[in-house]
Amino acid sequence: MSISLVVSPKVKFPVKGTMKNEAGVDQPFDFTLTCKRLDTEEIQAKKSEDGSYVYVDFMADVIEDWSGVKDGDKQAVPYTPDAWQALSKIPGVAALAWHAYMRENGAKEKN
């Protein structure tokens, strides 16, 4: 038996989350990232000396584009490395993006 898979060099996926507003109400948000697809060895090579990942830096290396990121006036923000750095200053955003990337980058069970 053989397996034949064509693996795209890019992966596109949603990042979804919530943030509480001043009234304590969850405000949902979502955006889509287009990233370079890394293989297992490339992912392992991005670990820091203590064996963990720095989510902001990891994602900065793989993000190529995004959609759905808007400014305070609800205008689309084009992807740039500086825009990613600004977005990732919101606590938890880089971790959400990293977890979504790790979930969507590889193979998954099919239902």
C-alpha atoms as a PDB file:
ATOM      1  CA  MET A   1       0.000   0.000   0.000  1.00  0.00           C
ATOM      2  CA  SER A   2       1.294   3.461  -0.824  1.00  0.00           C
ATOM      3  CA  ILE A   3       0.274   6.943   0.199  1.00  0.00           C
ATOM      4  CA  SER A   4       0.425   9.834  -2.208  1.00  0.00           C
ATOM      5  CA  LEU A   5      -0.086  13.338  -0.839  1.00  0.00           C
ATOM      6  CA  VAL A   6       0.571  16.683  -2.432  1.00  0.00           C
ATOM      7  CA  VAL A   7       1.572  19.093   0.327  1.00  0.00           C
ATOM      8  CA  SER A   8       1.053  22.761  -0.448  1.00  0.00           C
ATOM      9  CA  PRO A   9       3.917  25.084   0.516  1.00  0.00           C
ATOM     10  CA  LYS A  10       1.387  27.399   2.194  1.00  0.00           C
ATOM     11  CA  VAL A  11      -1.456  26.968   4.664  1.00  0.00           C
ATOM     12  CA  LYS A  12      -4.387  29.353   5.166  1.00  0.00           C
ATOM     13  CA  PHE A  13      -6.475  29.196   8.358  1.00  0.00           C
ATOM     14  CA  PRO A  14      -8.670  31.247  10.692  1.00  0.00           C
ATOM     15  CA  VAL A  15      -7.617  32.540  14.092  1.00  0.00           C
ATOM     16  CA  LYS A  16     -10.578  33.064  16.414  1.00  0.00           C
ATOM     17  CA  GLY A  17     -10.848  34.334  19.959  1.00  0.00           C
ATOM     18  CA  THR A  18     -12.542  36.686  22.371  1.00  0.00           C
ATOM     19  CA  MET A  19     -11.484  39.614  24.536  1.00  0.00           C
ATOM     20  CA  LYS A  20     -13.466  41.075  27.392  1.00  0.00           C
ATOM     21  CA  ASN A  21     -14.538  44.692  27.107  1.00  0.00           C
ATOM     22  CA  GLU A  22     -14.790  47.186  29.989  1.00  0.00           C
ATOM     23  CA  ALA A  23     -18.164  45.712  30.983  1.00  0.00           C
ATOM     24  CA  GLY A  24     -16.688  42.202  31.206  1.00  0.00           C
ATOM     25  CA  VAL A  25     -18.495  41.017  28.078  1.00  0.00           C
ATOM     26  CA  ASP A  26     -16.661  38.755  25.650  1.00  0.00           C
ATOM     27  CA  GLN A  27     -16.061  40.448  22.310  1.00  0.00           C
ATOM     28  CA  PRO A  28     -15.359  37.888  19.570  1.00  0.00           C
ATOM     29  CA  PHE A  29     -12.745  38.489  16.906  1.00  0.00           C
ATOM     30  CA  ASP A  30     -11.344  36.527  14.002  1.00  0.00           C
ATOM     31  CA  PHE A  31      -8.892  36.949  11.181  1.00  0.00           C
ATOM     32  CA  THR A  32      -7.239  34.688   8.623  1.00  0.00           C
ATOM     33  CA  LEU A  33      -3.541  34.005   8.216  1.00  0.00           C
ATOM     34  CA  THR A  34      -1.683  32.696   5.177  1.00  0.00           C
ATOM     35  CA  CYS A  35       1.594  31.127   6.261  1.00  0.00           C
ATOM     36  CA  LYS A  36       4.553  29.163   4.975  1.00  0.00           C
ATOM     37  CA  ARG A  37       4.045  25.477   5.711  1.00  0.00           C
ATOM     38  CA  LEU A  38       6.965  24.089   7.703  1.00  0.00           C
ATOM     39  CA  ASP A  39       7.780  20.412   8.103  1.00  0.00           C
ATOM     40  CA  THR A  40       8.475  18.761  11.453  1.00  0.00           C
ATOM     41  CA  GLU A  41      12.230  19.352  11.345  1.00  0.00           C
ATOM     42  CA  GLU A  42      11.796  23.026  10.444  1.00  0.00           C
ATOM     43  CA  ILE A  43       9.334  23.494  13.304  1.00  0.00           C
ATOM     44  CA  GLN A  44      11.675  21.780  15.786  1.00  0.00           C
ATOM     45  CA  ALA A  45      14.549  24.002  14.645  1.00  0.00           C
ATOM     46  CA  LYS A  46      12.583  27.069  15.770  1.00  0.00           C
ATOM     47  CA  LYS A  47      12.583  26.024  19.431  1.00  0.00           C
ATOM     48  CA  SER A  48      14.452  28.276  21.819  1.00  0.00           C
ATOM     49  CA  GLU A  49      17.334  27.036  23.965  1.00  0.00           C
ATOM     50  CA  ASP A  50      14.948  25.955  26.738  1.00  0.00           C
ATOM     51  CA  GLY A  51      12.894  23.874  24.287  1.00  0.00           C
ATOM     52  CA  SER A  52       9.936  26.244  24.064  1.00  0.00           C
ATOM     53  CA  TYR A  53       8.681  28.454  21.253  1.00  0.00           C
ATOM     54  CA  VAL A  54       8.541  32.240  21.214  1.00  0.00           C
ATOM     55  CA  TYR A  55       5.128  32.552  19.562  1.00  0.00           C
ATOM     56  CA  VAL A  56       5.566  36.125  18.283  1.00  0.00           C
ATOM     57  CA  ASP A  57       8.898  35.332  16.617  1.00  0.00           C
ATOM     58  CA  PHE A  58       7.803  31.936  15.295  1.00  0.00           C
ATOM     59  CA  MET A  59       4.734  33.426  13.632  1.00  0.00           C
ATOM     60  CA  ALA A  60       6.696  36.426  12.313  1.00  0.00           C
ATOM     61  CA  ASP A  61       8.874  33.943  10.421  1.00  0.00           C
ATOM     62  CA  VAL A  62       5.972  32.103   8.771  1.00  0.00           C
ATOM     63  CA  ILE A  63       3.192  34.674   8.194  1.00  0.00           C
ATOM     64  CA  GLU A  64       3.034  35.839   4.588  1.00  0.00           C
ATOM     65  CA  ASP A  65      -0.364  37.567   4.536  1.00  0.00           C
ATOM     66  CA  TRP A  66      -3.585  38.053   6.465  1.00  0.00           C
ATOM     67  CA  SER A  67      -7.149  39.216   6.055  1.00  0.00           C
ATOM     68  CA  GLY A  68      -9.759  40.417   8.501  1.00  0.00           C
ATOM     69  CA  VAL A  69      -7.410  42.543  10.635  1.00  0.00           C
ATOM     70  CA  LYS A  70      -8.937  46.010  11.011  1.00  0.00           C
ATOM     71  CA  ASP A  71      -7.959  49.223  12.721  1.00  0.00           C
ATOM     72  CA  GLY A  72     -10.070  51.316  15.119  1.00  0.00           C
ATOM     73  CA  ASP A  73     -11.954  52.819  12.165  1.00  0.00           C
ATOM     74  CA  LYS A  74     -12.776  49.308  10.868  1.00  0.00           C
ATOM     75  CA  GLN A  75     -10.441  49.750   7.895  1.00  0.00           C
ATOM     76  CA  ALA A  76      -8.429  46.768   6.671  1.00  0.00           C
ATOM     77  CA  VAL A  77      -4.837  46.720   7.890  1.00  0.00           C
ATOM     78  CA  PRO A  78      -2.447  45.305   5.274  1.00  0.00           C
ATOM     79  CA  TYR A  79      -0.017  42.682   6.539  1.00  0.00           C
ATOM     80  CA  THR A  80       3.486  43.882   7.324  1.00  0.00           C
ATOM     81  CA  PRO A  81       5.958  42.542   9.880  1.00  0.00           C
ATOM     82  CA  ASP A  82       5.451  45.760  11.893  1.00  0.00           C
ATOM     83  CA  ALA A  83       1.663  45.296  11.801  1.00  0.00           C
ATOM     84  CA  TRP A  84       2.133  41.738  13.157  1.00  0.00           C
ATOM     85  CA  GLN A  85       4.324  43.083  15.960  1.00  0.00           C
ATOM     86  CA  ALA A  86       1.642  45.643  16.836  1.00  0.00           C
ATOM     87  CA  LEU A  87      -1.151  43.048  16.795  1.00  0.00           C
ATOM     88  CA  SER A  88       0.877  40.619  18.874  1.00  0.00           C
ATOM     89  CA  LYS A  89       1.175  43.199  21.672  1.00  0.00           C
ATOM     90  CA  ILE A  90      -2.372  42.180  22.613  1.00  0.00           C
ATOM     91  CA  PRO A  91      -1.791  39.444  25.204  1.00  0.00           C
ATOM     92  CA  GLY A  92      -2.725  36.014  23.890  1.00  0.00           C
ATOM     93  CA  VAL A  93      -3.000  36.843  20.177  1.00  0.00           C
ATOM     94  CA  ALA A  94       0.375  35.347  19.221  1.00  0.00           C
ATOM     95  CA  ALA A  95      -0.392  32.183  21.215  1.00  0.00           C
ATOM     96  CA  LEU A  96      -3.797  31.830  19.513  1.00  0.00           C
ATOM     97  CA  ALA A  97      -2.151  32.236  16.097  1.00  0.00           C
ATOM     98  CA  TRP A  98       0.588  29.706  16.951  1.00  0.00           C
ATOM     99  CA  HIS A  99      -1.884  27.093  18.218  1.00  0.00           C
ATOM    100  CA  ALA A 100      -4.061  27.559  15.113  1.00  0.00           C
ATOM    101  CA  TYR A 101      -0.977  27.202  12.893  1.00  0.00           C
ATOM    102  CA  MET A 102       0.152  24.031  14.653  1.00  0.00           C
ATOM    103  CA  ARG A 103      -3.363  22.569  14.391  1.00  0.00           C
ATOM    104  CA  GLU A 104      -3.820  23.438  10.701  1.00  0.00           C
ATOM    105  CA  ASN A 105      -0.269  22.979   9.368  1.00  0.00           C
ATOM    106  CA  GLY A 106      -0.225  19.193   9.539  1.00  0.00           C
ATOM    107  CA  ALA A 107      -2.391  16.153   9.017  1.00  0.00           C
ATOM    108  CA  LYS A 108      -5.570  15.650  11.048  1.00  0.00           C
ATOM    109  CA  GLU A 109      -8.019  12.830  11.585  1.00  0.00           C
ATOM    110  CA  LYS A 110     -10.855  12.833   9.101  1.00  0.00           C
ATOM    111  CA  ASN A 111     -14.348  12.288  10.490  1.00  0.00           C
END
